[in-house]
Protein backbone atom coordinates (compact mmCIF):
# COMPACT_ATOMS: atom_id res chain seq x y z
CA MET A 1 -0.47 19.31 -21.98
CA ASN A 2 -4.39 19.61 -22.10
CA SER A 3 -5.94 22.46 -19.95
CA PHE A 4 -9.11 22.03 -18.54
CA THR A 5 -10.84 24.09 -21.36
CA ASP A 6 -9.69 20.99 -23.53
CA THR A 7 -11.52 18.23 -22.13
CA PHE A 8 -14.63 15.93 -23.15
CA THR A 9 -17.86 14.31 -21.65
CA ILE A 10 -18.98 10.62 -21.75
CA ASN A 11 -21.98 9.34 -19.77
CA GLY A 12 -21.44 11.73 -16.99
CA ILE A 13 -17.69 11.80 -17.11
CA THR A 14 -15.20 14.47 -17.83
CA LEU A 15 -12.40 13.57 -19.64
CA THR A 16 -9.21 16.40 -18.54
CA ALA A 17 -6.15 14.01 -19.69
CA GLN A 18 -4.42 14.06 -23.31
CA PRO A 19 -6.11 10.62 -24.48
CA ILE A 20 -3.43 7.96 -24.46
CA CYS A 21 -3.36 5.04 -26.85
CA ARG A 22 -6.06 2.14 -26.65
CA GLN A 23 -7.62 4.00 -24.01
CA ASP A 24 -11.15 3.84 -25.86
CA GLU A 25 -10.68 0.05 -24.54
CA VAL A 26 -10.61 0.81 -20.81
CA LEU A 27 -12.72 3.91 -20.78
CA THR A 28 -15.84 2.77 -22.51
CA PRO A 29 -19.20 4.18 -22.57
CA ASP A 30 -20.71 1.49 -20.36
CA ALA A 31 -17.27 1.12 -17.99
CA LEU A 32 -18.23 4.96 -17.04
CA SER A 33 -21.55 4.70 -16.55
CA PHE A 34 -20.80 1.71 -14.00
CA ILE A 35 -17.87 3.97 -12.25
CA ALA A 36 -20.27 6.80 -12.67
CA LYS A 37 -22.62 4.82 -10.32
CA LEU A 38 -20.05 3.99 -7.67
CA HIS A 39 -19.12 7.32 -7.29
CA ARG A 40 -22.47 8.68 -7.07
CA ALA A 41 -23.61 6.17 -4.14
CA THR A 42 -20.61 6.64 -2.54
CA ALA A 43 -18.57 10.49 -2.81
CA GLU A 44 -20.77 11.82 0.10
CA ARG A 45 -20.01 8.93 2.27
CA ARG A 46 -16.16 8.70 1.42
CA GLN A 47 -15.96 12.65 2.54
CA GLU A 48 -17.50 12.13 5.84
CA LEU A 49 -15.06 9.66 6.25
CA LEU A 50 -12.19 11.09 5.48
CA GLN A 51 -13.70 13.79 7.80
CA ALA A 52 -13.48 11.57 10.39
CA ARG A 53 -9.90 10.65 9.95
CA ARG A 54 -8.58 14.12 10.39
CA ALA A 55 -10.74 14.47 13.67
CA ARG A 56 -9.74 10.91 14.95
CA ARG A 57 -5.58 12.80 14.50
CA ALA A 58 -6.85 15.89 16.02
CA ASP A 59 -8.03 13.64 18.89
CA ILE A 60 -4.70 11.50 19.50
CA ALA A 61 -2.56 14.39 18.89
CA ALA A 62 -4.79 15.92 21.83
CA GLY A 63 -4.05 13.09 23.86
CA ALA A 64 -6.68 10.17 23.16
CA ASP A 65 -4.79 7.43 22.66
CA PRO A 66 -7.16 4.34 20.83
CA ARG A 67 -8.51 1.50 22.61
CA PHE A 68 -10.27 -1.50 21.66
CA LEU A 69 -13.81 0.22 21.00
CA ARG A 70 -16.63 -0.07 23.60
CA GLU A 71 -19.42 -0.07 21.01
CA THR A 72 -18.19 -3.11 18.71
CA GLU A 73 -17.19 -5.48 21.88
CA HIS A 74 -20.51 -7.74 20.80
CA ILE A 75 -18.47 -8.47 17.45
CA ARG A 76 -15.70 -9.40 19.37
CA ASN A 77 -17.06 -11.16 21.86
CA ASP A 78 -19.36 -13.45 19.47
CA PRO A 79 -17.81 -17.01 19.06
CA SER A 80 -20.03 -18.14 15.91
CA TRP A 81 -19.00 -15.62 12.95
CA ARG A 82 -16.55 -16.54 10.56
CA VAL A 83 -15.55 -15.14 7.19
CA ALA A 84 -16.37 -16.63 3.68
CA PRO A 85 -14.14 -20.14 2.98
CA PRO A 86 -11.02 -19.38 1.04
CA ALA A 87 -12.21 -18.36 -2.67
CA PRO A 88 -10.37 -20.60 -5.87
CA GLY A 89 -6.94 -19.41 -6.14
CA LEU A 90 -6.63 -17.99 -3.02
CA GLU A 91 -6.02 -21.19 -0.70
CA ASP A 92 -2.37 -21.15 -0.84
CA ARG A 93 -1.04 -18.07 -0.50
CA ARG A 94 2.63 -18.92 0.80
CA VAL A 95 4.21 -16.68 -1.48
CA GLU A 96 3.16 -13.56 -2.71
CA ILE A 97 5.13 -11.30 -5.08
CA THR A 98 4.01 -7.47 -5.36
CA GLY A 99 5.01 -4.90 -7.89
CA PRO A 100 3.26 -1.97 -10.11
CA VAL A 101 1.31 -2.96 -13.20
CA ASP A 102 3.62 -2.24 -16.12
CA LYS A 103 4.33 -4.23 -18.87
CA LYS A 104 8.46 -6.03 -17.49
CA MET A 105 6.59 -6.42 -14.12
CA THR A 106 3.06 -7.95 -15.24
CA ILE A 107 5.45 -10.48 -16.85
CA ASN A 108 7.99 -11.38 -14.71
CA ALA A 109 5.13 -11.27 -11.50
CA LEU A 110 3.42 -14.08 -13.26
CA ASN A 111 6.42 -15.82 -14.61
CA SER A 112 7.94 -15.05 -11.05
CA GLY A 113 6.33 -19.02 -9.53
CA ALA A 114 4.73 -17.05 -6.94
CA LYS A 115 0.77 -18.63 -6.03
CA VAL A 116 -0.26 -14.33 -5.95
CA TRP A 117 0.43 -11.41 -7.40
CA LEU A 118 -0.33 -8.51 -5.77
CA ALA A 119 -0.80 -6.16 -8.75
CA ASP A 120 0.20 -3.06 -7.38
CA MET A 121 -1.77 0.46 -8.68
CA GLU A 122 -1.21 2.49 -5.27
CA ASP A 123 1.90 2.65 -3.60
CA SER A 124 4.65 0.98 -5.94
CA SER A 125 3.08 3.01 -9.12
CA THR A 126 2.86 6.98 -10.13
CA PRO A 127 -0.57 7.50 -10.62
CA THR A 128 0.28 9.31 -13.88
CA TRP A 129 -2.64 8.93 -16.50
CA ARG A 130 -0.34 6.95 -18.57
CA ASN A 131 0.14 4.54 -15.64
CA VAL A 132 -3.58 4.18 -14.68
CA ILE A 133 -4.81 3.51 -18.24
CA LYS A 134 -1.71 1.46 -19.16
CA GLY A 135 -1.92 -0.66 -15.96
CA GLN A 136 -5.88 -1.81 -16.89
CA LEU A 137 -4.49 -3.05 -20.26
CA ASN A 138 -1.84 -4.97 -19.52
CA LEU A 139 -3.88 -6.64 -16.75
CA THR A 140 -6.55 -7.63 -19.07
CA ASP A 141 -3.75 -8.77 -21.87
CA ALA A 142 -2.66 -10.56 -18.86
CA LEU A 143 -5.61 -12.82 -18.62
CA GLU A 144 -5.64 -12.72 -22.29
CA ARG A 145 -2.35 -14.04 -22.59
CA ARG A 146 -1.56 -11.72 -24.71
CA ILE A 147 1.38 -9.49 -23.19
CA ASP A 148 4.62 -9.61 -24.31
CA PHE A 149 7.03 -6.61 -24.46
CA THR A 150 10.67 -6.27 -25.84
CA THR A 151 13.49 -3.52 -24.98
CA GLU A 152 15.50 -1.05 -26.62
CA GLU A 153 18.17 -3.45 -26.01
CA GLY A 154 16.39 -6.13 -27.69
CA LYS A 155 15.21 -8.45 -24.47
CA GLU A 156 12.57 -9.82 -24.77
CA TYR A 157 9.63 -10.94 -22.26
CA LYS A 158 6.14 -12.87 -22.75
CA LEU A 159 4.17 -15.13 -20.15
CA LYS A 160 5.24 -18.80 -19.77
CA ALA A 161 3.48 -20.97 -21.91
CA ASP A 162 1.99 -23.59 -19.94
CA GLY A 163 1.13 -24.01 -16.58
CA ASP A 164 -0.84 -21.87 -13.66
CA LEU A 165 -0.01 -18.53 -13.07
CA PRO A 166 -0.49 -16.66 -9.83
CA THR A 167 -3.61 -15.55 -8.55
CA ILE A 168 -3.95 -11.84 -9.51
CA VAL A 169 -4.84 -9.82 -6.52
CA VAL A 170 -5.49 -5.93 -7.20
CA ARG A 171 -4.91 -2.74 -5.18
CA PRO A 172 -6.46 0.26 -5.36
CA ARG A 173 -5.76 3.48 -4.66
CA GLY A 174 -6.77 4.48 -1.29
CA TRP A 175 -9.54 6.85 -0.43
CA HIS A 176 -7.37 9.94 -0.07
CA LEU A 177 -6.03 10.04 -3.74
CA PRO A 178 -8.60 11.64 -6.35
CA GLU A 179 -8.17 11.19 -10.01
CA LYS A 180 -7.97 14.25 -10.93
CA HIS A 181 -8.48 13.28 -14.93
CA MET A 182 -12.01 12.23 -14.40
CA LEU A 183 -14.41 14.82 -13.06
CA ILE A 184 -18.36 14.31 -11.72
CA ASP A 185 -19.92 17.76 -11.46
CA GLY A 186 -16.38 19.15 -11.62
CA GLN A 187 -15.13 16.93 -8.81
CA PRO A 188 -12.74 13.91 -8.91
CA ILE A 189 -13.67 10.57 -8.68
CA ALA A 190 -12.09 8.51 -6.21
CA GLY A 191 -8.94 7.26 -7.43
CA GLY A 192 -9.97 3.59 -5.78
CA ILE A 193 -12.33 3.46 -7.48
CA VAL A 194 -11.84 4.39 -10.67
CA ASP A 195 -9.15 1.58 -10.00
CA PHE A 196 -11.32 -1.14 -8.66
CA GLY A 197 -14.24 -0.29 -11.29
CA LEU A 198 -12.08 -0.26 -14.35
CA PHE A 199 -10.64 -3.50 -13.53
CA PHE A 200 -13.49 -5.54 -11.94
CA PHE A 201 -15.97 -4.10 -14.88
CA HIS A 202 -13.10 -5.82 -17.56
CA ASN A 203 -12.35 -8.47 -16.04
CA ALA A 204 -14.98 -9.77 -13.81
CA ARG A 205 -16.78 -12.81 -15.72
CA ARG A 206 -13.36 -13.41 -17.46
CA LEU A 207 -11.73 -14.57 -14.61
CA LEU A 208 -15.01 -16.24 -13.19
CA ALA A 209 -14.63 -18.31 -16.78
CA GLN A 210 -11.47 -19.13 -15.79
CA GLY A 211 -12.07 -20.19 -12.08
CA LYS A 212 -10.80 -17.44 -10.06
CA GLY A 213 -12.61 -13.99 -9.40
CA PRO A 214 -12.01 -10.72 -8.45
CA TYR A 215 -9.86 -10.24 -5.53
CA PHE A 216 -8.69 -7.05 -4.36
CA TYR A 217 -6.51 -5.61 -1.73
CA LEU A 218 -7.44 -2.46 0.29
CA PRO A 219 -5.34 -0.23 1.34
CA LYS A 220 -4.63 2.49 4.16
CA ILE A 221 -8.30 1.88 5.60
CA GLU A 222 -8.25 3.25 8.98
CA ASN A 223 -11.20 1.67 10.97
CA HIS A 224 -14.26 -0.92 10.77
CA LEU A 225 -16.18 1.86 9.03
CA GLU A 226 -14.58 2.61 6.16
CA ALA A 227 -14.04 -1.07 5.44
CA ARG A 228 -18.21 -0.87 5.29
CA LEU A 229 -18.16 1.43 2.72
CA TRP A 230 -15.80 -1.04 0.06
CA ASN A 231 -18.43 -3.65 1.32
CA ASP A 232 -21.08 -1.69 0.18
CA ILE A 233 -19.46 -0.74 -3.23
CA PHE A 234 -18.85 -4.95 -3.70
CA ILE A 235 -22.12 -5.52 -3.10
CA LEU A 236 -23.53 -2.58 -5.86
CA ALA A 237 -20.83 -3.16 -8.17
CA GLN A 238 -21.56 -7.29 -8.28
CA ASP A 239 -25.56 -5.94 -8.47
CA LEU A 240 -24.90 -3.61 -11.44
CA LEU A 241 -22.97 -6.75 -13.16
CA GLY A 242 -25.28 -9.15 -12.03
CA ILE A 243 -22.66 -11.35 -10.56
CA PRO A 244 -23.38 -13.34 -7.50
CA GLN A 245 -22.86 -11.60 -4.38
CA GLY A 246 -19.44 -13.05 -2.66
CA THR A 247 -17.83 -13.40 -5.34
CA ILE A 248 -15.55 -10.30 -4.51
CA ARG A 249 -12.29 -11.05 -2.14
CA ALA A 250 -11.23 -8.52 -0.67
CA THR A 251 -7.57 -8.56 2.12
CA VAL A 252 -7.48 -5.05 4.18
CA LEU A 253 -3.80 -4.04 4.29
CA ILE A 254 -3.41 -3.31 8.77
CA GLU A 255 -1.26 -0.32 7.82
CA THR A 256 -2.42 2.27 9.69
CA ILE A 257 -2.34 2.24 13.53
CA THR A 258 -6.04 3.04 14.43
CA ALA A 259 -7.12 0.06 12.32
CA ALA A 260 -4.84 -2.22 14.30
CA PHE A 261 -7.71 -1.32 17.24
CA GLU A 262 -9.91 -2.90 14.69
CA MET A 263 -9.16 -5.93 12.91
CA GLU A 264 -12.04 -8.51 13.81
CA GLU A 265 -14.47 -5.73 13.18
CA ILE A 266 -12.96 -4.88 9.55
CA LEU A 267 -13.68 -8.79 9.21
CA TYR A 268 -16.57 -8.53 10.27
CA GLU A 269 -17.60 -5.88 7.51
CA LEU A 270 -16.65 -7.59 4.74
CA ARG A 271 -17.26 -10.84 5.99
CA ASP A 272 -18.83 -12.38 2.96
CA HIS A 273 -16.13 -10.45 0.83
CA ALA A 274 -13.35 -10.88 2.83
CA ALA A 275 -10.05 -12.87 2.62
CA GLY A 276 -7.47 -12.32 5.07
CA LEU A 277 -5.42 -9.24 6.93
CA ASN A 278 -2.16 -8.09 5.79
CA ALA A 279 0.90 -7.18 8.27
CA GLY A 280 1.52 -3.82 5.52
CA ARG A 281 4.60 -3.01 8.32
CA TRP A 282 6.05 0.11 6.64
CA ASP A 283 2.85 2.17 6.00
CA TYR A 284 2.21 0.94 9.64
CA ILE A 285 5.20 2.41 11.12
CA PHE A 286 4.46 5.59 9.08
CA SER A 287 0.57 5.73 10.69
CA LEU A 288 1.93 5.85 13.91
CA ILE A 289 4.29 8.35 13.07
CA LYS A 290 2.30 10.85 11.75
CA ASN A 291 -0.74 10.40 14.75
CA PHE A 292 1.52 10.89 17.65
CA ARG A 293 4.24 12.91 15.99
CA THR A 294 3.76 15.58 18.28
CA ARG A 295 2.88 13.42 21.38
CA GLY A 296 6.68 13.78 22.64
CA PRO A 297 9.37 11.48 23.73
CA ARG A 298 7.46 8.86 24.32
CA PHE A 299 6.70 8.42 20.84
CA VAL A 300 10.00 9.09 18.85
CA LEU A 301 11.37 6.00 17.38
CA PRO A 302 15.16 5.35 16.09
CA ASP A 303 16.55 5.43 13.01
CA ARG A 304 14.15 3.67 10.54
CA GLY A 305 16.71 0.72 10.15
CA GLN A 306 16.18 -0.33 13.82
CA VAL A 307 12.73 -0.07 14.04
CA THR A 308 12.69 -4.02 12.89
CA MET A 309 9.51 -6.46 13.76
CA THR A 310 11.07 -7.78 16.37
CA GLN A 311 10.49 -4.48 18.60
CA PRO A 312 7.87 -4.67 20.83
CA PHE A 313 4.83 -2.63 19.32
CA MET A 314 5.30 -4.65 16.45
CA ARG A 315 5.62 -7.63 17.78
CA ALA A 316 2.38 -7.01 19.10
CA TYR A 317 0.82 -5.62 16.03
CA THR A 318 1.60 -9.15 13.90
CA GLU A 319 0.71 -11.62 16.53
CA GLN A 320 -2.91 -10.22 17.22
CA LEU A 321 -3.31 -10.08 13.41
CA VAL A 322 -2.48 -13.73 13.30
CA ARG A 323 -4.73 -13.98 16.26
CA ALA A 324 -7.66 -12.54 15.22
CA CYS A 325 -7.46 -14.00 11.18
CA HIS A 326 -7.70 -17.41 12.41
CA LYS A 327 -10.44 -17.07 14.79
CA ARG A 328 -12.31 -15.88 11.87
CA GLY A 329 -11.08 -18.26 9.43
CA ALA A 330 -9.70 -15.56 7.41
CA MET A 331 -5.75 -15.41 5.83
CA ALA A 332 -2.65 -13.48 7.69
CA ILE A 333 -0.35 -12.58 5.31
CA GLY A 334 3.21 -11.29 6.53
CA GLY A 335 4.52 -8.22 5.32
CA MET A 336 6.95 -7.33 2.78
CA ALA A 337 10.73 -8.31 2.38
CA ALA A 338 12.23 -5.15 1.62
CA ALA A 339 16.01 -6.64 1.10
CA VAL A 340 16.46 -6.34 -2.93
CA PRO A 341 18.81 -9.02 -4.49
CA ASN A 342 21.95 -7.91 -6.06
CA ARG A 343 23.61 -10.29 -8.80
CA LYS A 344 26.34 -8.12 -9.84
CA ASP A 345 27.72 -8.29 -6.00
CA PRO A 346 27.65 -12.11 -4.24
CA GLU A 347 28.22 -10.59 -0.41
CA ALA A 348 25.19 -7.82 -0.84
CA ASN A 349 22.95 -10.50 -1.92
CA ALA A 350 23.72 -13.06 0.37
CA ASN A 351 23.02 -11.03 2.85
CA ALA A 352 20.01 -10.00 1.54
CA LEU A 353 18.96 -13.62 1.22
CA GLU A 354 19.97 -14.03 4.54
CA LYS A 355 18.01 -11.42 5.54
CA VAL A 356 14.45 -12.36 3.75
CA ARG A 357 14.62 -15.82 5.34
CA ALA A 358 14.67 -14.92 8.85
CA ASP A 359 11.89 -12.09 8.04
CA LYS A 360 10.62 -15.24 6.98
CA THR A 361 11.16 -17.78 9.04
CA ARG A 362 9.50 -15.81 12.01
CA GLU A 363 6.13 -15.13 10.14
CA ALA A 364 6.14 -18.79 9.24
CA ASN A 365 6.76 -19.25 13.11
CA ASP A 366 4.14 -17.27 14.46
CA GLY A 367 1.37 -19.06 11.91
CA PHE A 368 1.10 -16.43 9.31
CA ASP A 369 -0.34 -18.59 6.18
CA GLY A 370 2.20 -16.79 3.39
CA SER A 371 3.87 -13.15 2.69
CA TRP A 372 5.26 -10.85 0.52
CA VAL A 373 8.24 -10.15 -1.53
CA ALA A 374 9.27 -7.37 -3.96
CA HIS A 375 11.76 -9.42 -6.16
CA PRO A 376 11.10 -12.63 -8.21
CA ASP A 377 14.31 -13.84 -6.92
CA LEU A 378 13.15 -13.92 -3.31
CA VAL A 379 10.34 -16.30 -4.49
CA PRO A 380 12.32 -19.43 -3.90
CA VAL A 381 13.46 -18.55 -0.35
CA CYS A 382 9.76 -17.47 0.81
CA ARG A 383 8.21 -20.23 -0.75
CA GLU A 384 11.00 -22.65 0.91
CA VAL A 385 10.75 -21.13 4.62
CA PHE A 386 6.64 -21.91 3.47
CA ASP A 387 6.94 -25.37 1.91
CA GLY A 388 9.03 -26.31 5.73
CA ALA A 389 6.23 -24.62 8.41
CA LEU A 390 3.06 -25.92 5.96
CA GLY A 391 3.81 -29.26 5.04
CA SER A 392 1.35 -30.50 2.39
CA LYS A 393 -1.14 -28.18 4.04
CA PRO A 394 -2.03 -25.31 1.66
CA ASN A 395 -1.92 -22.57 5.05
CA GLN A 396 -2.04 -22.15 8.74
CA LEU A 397 -5.71 -21.22 9.28
CA ASP A 398 -6.20 -24.25 12.13
CA ARG A 399 -3.02 -22.24 14.18
CA LEU A 400 -5.53 -19.94 16.54
CA ARG A 401 -2.83 -18.45 18.35
CA GLU A 402 -5.23 -18.52 21.75
CA ASP A 403 -1.87 -18.08 23.07
CA VAL A 404 -1.61 -14.83 22.74
CA THR A 405 -3.92 -12.19 24.63
CA PRO A 406 -4.98 -9.02 22.31
CA ASP A 407 -3.62 -6.25 24.08
CA ASP A 408 -4.59 -2.62 23.07
CA ARG A 409 -1.84 -0.80 25.41
CA ALA A 410 1.08 -3.27 23.50
CA LEU A 411 0.12 -1.91 20.29
CA ILE A 412 1.18 1.55 21.23
CA ASP A 413 4.01 0.99 23.43
CA VAL A 414 6.38 2.55 21.67
CA ALA A 415 8.47 3.37 24.68
CA ALA A 416 9.99 0.17 24.73
CA THR A 417 11.33 0.45 21.47
CA THR A 418 15.35 0.08 21.41
CA GLY A 419 17.92 1.98 19.28
CA THR A 420 19.34 5.17 18.40
CA ILE A 421 19.07 8.29 16.42
CA THR A 422 22.28 8.66 14.20
CA GLU A 423 23.28 11.23 11.67
CA GLN A 424 24.02 8.39 9.57
CA GLY A 425 19.93 7.61 9.88
CA ILE A 426 19.12 11.29 9.16
CA ARG A 427 21.13 11.10 6.16
CA ASN A 428 19.37 8.33 5.08
CA ASN A 429 16.26 9.56 5.38
CA ILE A 430 17.03 12.74 3.16
CA GLU A 431 19.02 10.41 0.88
CA VAL A 432 16.21 7.86 0.42
CA GLY A 433 13.68 10.79 0.54
CA ILE A 434 14.56 12.46 -2.43
CA ARG A 435 15.75 9.69 -4.51
CA TYR A 436 12.39 8.37 -3.62
CA ILE A 437 10.16 11.45 -4.99
CA GLU A 438 12.47 12.04 -7.80
CA SER A 439 11.79 8.02 -9.40
CA TRP A 440 7.92 8.92 -8.46
CA LEU A 441 8.01 11.55 -10.83
CA ARG A 442 9.23 10.38 -13.51
CA GLY A 443 6.84 7.63 -13.49
CA ASN A 444 8.47 4.81 -11.28
CA GLY A 445 6.76 4.26 -8.15
CA ALA A 446 8.75 1.51 -7.07
CA VAL A 447 12.55 1.93 -6.54
CA ALA A 448 15.84 -0.01 -5.32
CA ILE A 449 18.25 2.42 -3.12
CA HIS A 450 20.93 0.71 -1.21
CA ASN A 451 19.75 -2.46 -2.41
CA LEU A 452 16.47 -1.84 -0.69
CA MET A 453 13.26 -1.83 -2.45
CA GLU A 454 11.74 1.49 -1.33
CA ASP A 455 7.90 2.77 -2.17
CA ALA A 456 5.74 5.10 -1.02
CA ALA A 457 5.26 4.10 2.15
CA THR A 458 8.85 4.02 3.08
CA ALA A 459 9.73 7.64 1.90
CA GLU A 460 6.68 8.32 4.10
CA ILE A 461 8.26 7.32 6.66
CA SER A 462 11.75 8.62 6.03
CA ARG A 463 10.42 12.40 6.12
CA SER A 464 7.74 11.66 9.16
CA GLN A 465 10.64 10.96 11.27
CA LEU A 466 12.89 13.94 10.26
CA TRP A 467 9.67 15.94 10.85
CA GLN A 468 8.58 14.71 14.29
CA TRP A 469 12.87 14.33 15.28
CA ILE A 470 13.03 18.33 14.94
CA TYR A 471 9.37 18.58 16.33
CA ALA A 472 10.52 16.58 19.14
CA ARG A 473 14.04 17.87 19.63
CA ALA A 474 15.22 15.11 19.48
CA ILE A 475 18.56 13.91 20.58
CA THR A 476 21.37 11.64 18.55
CA ASP A 477 23.65 9.02 19.64
CA HIS A 478 26.82 11.85 20.16
CA GLY A 479 24.43 14.05 22.33
CA GLU A 480 23.56 16.42 19.52
CA ILE A 481 19.66 18.08 18.96
CA VAL A 482 18.31 17.17 15.72
CA SER A 483 17.24 20.57 14.89
CA HIS A 484 15.65 22.20 11.57
CA GLU A 485 18.70 23.95 10.92
CA TRP A 486 20.97 21.18 10.96
CA VAL A 487 18.90 18.87 8.85
CA GLU A 488 18.24 21.92 6.32
CA GLU A 489 22.71 21.67 6.68
CA LEU A 490 22.88 17.91 5.60
CA LEU A 491 20.26 18.29 3.04
CA ASP A 492 21.96 20.41 1.17
CA GLU A 493 25.35 18.03 1.83
CA GLU A 494 23.15 15.26 0.69
CA PHE A 495 21.66 16.60 -2.48
CA ALA A 496 24.92 18.13 -3.87
CA ARG A 497 26.09 14.40 -3.56
CA LEU A 498 22.98 12.89 -5.58
CA GLU A 499 24.25 11.48 -9.33
CA ARG A 500 22.71 13.64 -11.59
CA PHE A 501 21.44 13.26 -15.06
CA ASP A 502 19.99 14.27 -18.14
CA GLY A 503 16.03 14.86 -17.37
CA ASP A 504 16.13 14.14 -13.83
CA ARG A 505 13.78 15.60 -11.52
CA PHE A 506 15.99 16.40 -8.67
CA GLU A 507 14.97 20.14 -8.35
CA ASP A 508 11.45 19.28 -8.05
CA ALA A 509 11.79 16.34 -5.38
CA ARG A 510 13.83 18.39 -3.04
CA ASP A 511 11.04 20.67 -3.35
CA ILE A 512 8.21 18.59 -2.79
CA PHE A 513 10.85 17.00 0.15
CA GLU A 514 11.05 19.76 2.09
CA GLU A 515 7.55 21.27 2.24
CA VAL A 516 6.37 18.21 3.72
CA THR A 517 9.42 17.44 5.58
CA LEU A 518 10.81 21.00 7.22
CA ALA A 519 6.87 22.75 7.18
CA THR A 520 5.42 23.89 10.20
CA GLU A 521 2.42 22.19 9.01
CA PHE A 522 2.58 18.42 8.42
CA PRO A 523 1.00 17.12 5.39
CA SER A 524 -0.65 13.73 5.33
CA PHE A 525 0.52 12.23 2.55
CA LEU A 526 3.77 13.53 0.27
CA THR A 527 2.17 12.00 -3.17
CA LEU A 528 -0.92 14.33 -2.57
CA PRO A 529 1.09 17.76 -3.24
CA ALA A 530 3.34 15.79 -5.16
CA TYR A 531 0.04 14.76 -7.71
CA ALA A 532 -1.83 17.83 -7.38
CA ARG A 533 1.84 19.83 -8.67
CA TYR A 534 3.34 17.83 -11.23
CA LEU A 535 0.77 14.65 -12.44
CA THR A 536 -2.54 16.96 -13.75
CA GLU A 537 -3.23 18.45 -16.13
CA ALA A 538 -4.00 21.54 -14.67
CA ARG A 539 -0.47 21.71 -12.51
CA GLU A 540 -2.07 23.23 -9.61
CA LYS A 541 -1.59 24.00 -5.78
CA ALA A 542 -3.01 21.07 -3.59
CA THR A 543 -5.88 22.24 -1.94
CA VAL A 544 -5.35 22.54 1.85
CA GLU A 545 -8.61 20.23 2.66
CA GLU A 546 -6.45 17.98 0.37
CA LEU A 547 -3.21 18.05 2.14
CA ALA A 548 -5.07 17.51 5.15
CA ALA A 549 -7.08 14.80 3.96
CA ALA A 550 -6.61 11.01 5.16
């Protein structure tokens, strides 16, 4: 491993990581110069916005419920504005497959028959330097159709020789995540600018030549001012490369509770570049818990498995999202089907397919234009459901959902949620949290556990629920108080049950899990201390500012 003393600087950017094979194809002097310009133009505003997040969270903790904004009422009430029309390759998004940008997933996703591939550099990807660079190489190789892969067992993966491949939509990291292996003036560049900037610089013209364009999913946005910052980055990036304004298109994940109160405003800020909104359900639940975790029993949720899309506050969120999108000519994309097919267990497989079909049927009936799956085997299920709803149309933009009334109180009516907290629910949160973090530390950001696809968002729900239940002294269905001591006891038992193997990272995973679950302070993202301590070359402690960030 390198230390910070063993570094080199090019075009004002200091690189501190051990070089990766073919890295020079990605980190060209011109590409680094481009990223440096994006960083210098926006770093101060990004920090101000992260500070504003902390202030907003403190206000909510002190009892100030989010409401629709008075100061942007004129935007919501103006019926005349629309976002840009659907871009080439984004007119029909009935089934989108998501997954990290490793070679195997890249090939499987592009061969899956989905309309769109969400190429994920965020919650399903561990941000090791190797993954960051290899992901960029894999995307360019895929666009050039020169990507292939053979496993140690001799199984070959390669792109289908003919026919259209899904439209690629890249999800960069959120504003809170630094890239500590790229420094300007000693400060890390935002991971999101690295991911966006490198992909855009190397592939924007290539994509245009192929009849599509550089398209992105924007994660973890908390308000319309954060959308405005992204829009300004898009304008600058297009200017720097001499690419027409409006070429970039972005779909915003509404996966924070505060963003749900500003959906139309977010579309307005990005309007020339906006493609739609997505109901990022798992992060949304995590964000709700994070913001309201100290507000008492009214905001305590039951076991994670009982917080389904039919609960009243989740219905309000998805229906208002479809209405906001279609009112403005934007696509509404449904959330992740977490169930994962199990080819070795026919009964579990049938069960998973049935759950996915029910989930997608509800979304199609609600007016969504398409939805997400995490596994190639689920593409036909999702497509069949949306084929039935859409017929020969590419989308449902004409379904305006004017029957839905925007209701800011309904978005946080958590008290209407039905369900219970169970000992099994506590144990499941512990197991999923530790097993996910262990996998993440080994470089795998998406992992199937109990036939569900888990990523960072579901691990965040697991640990934040436990933190909140302890804080609120929540009571289980058997009348037991969820105490710090009891959770520690169950953690010992669950940890002892884990199947160990050579090279596993369970001890480290347990340390992180305990830190983000049982400590008095609540780190805003579990990935921040994990990244600082285990993935950076310097192996440093995360700073207090970082732990509070976002």
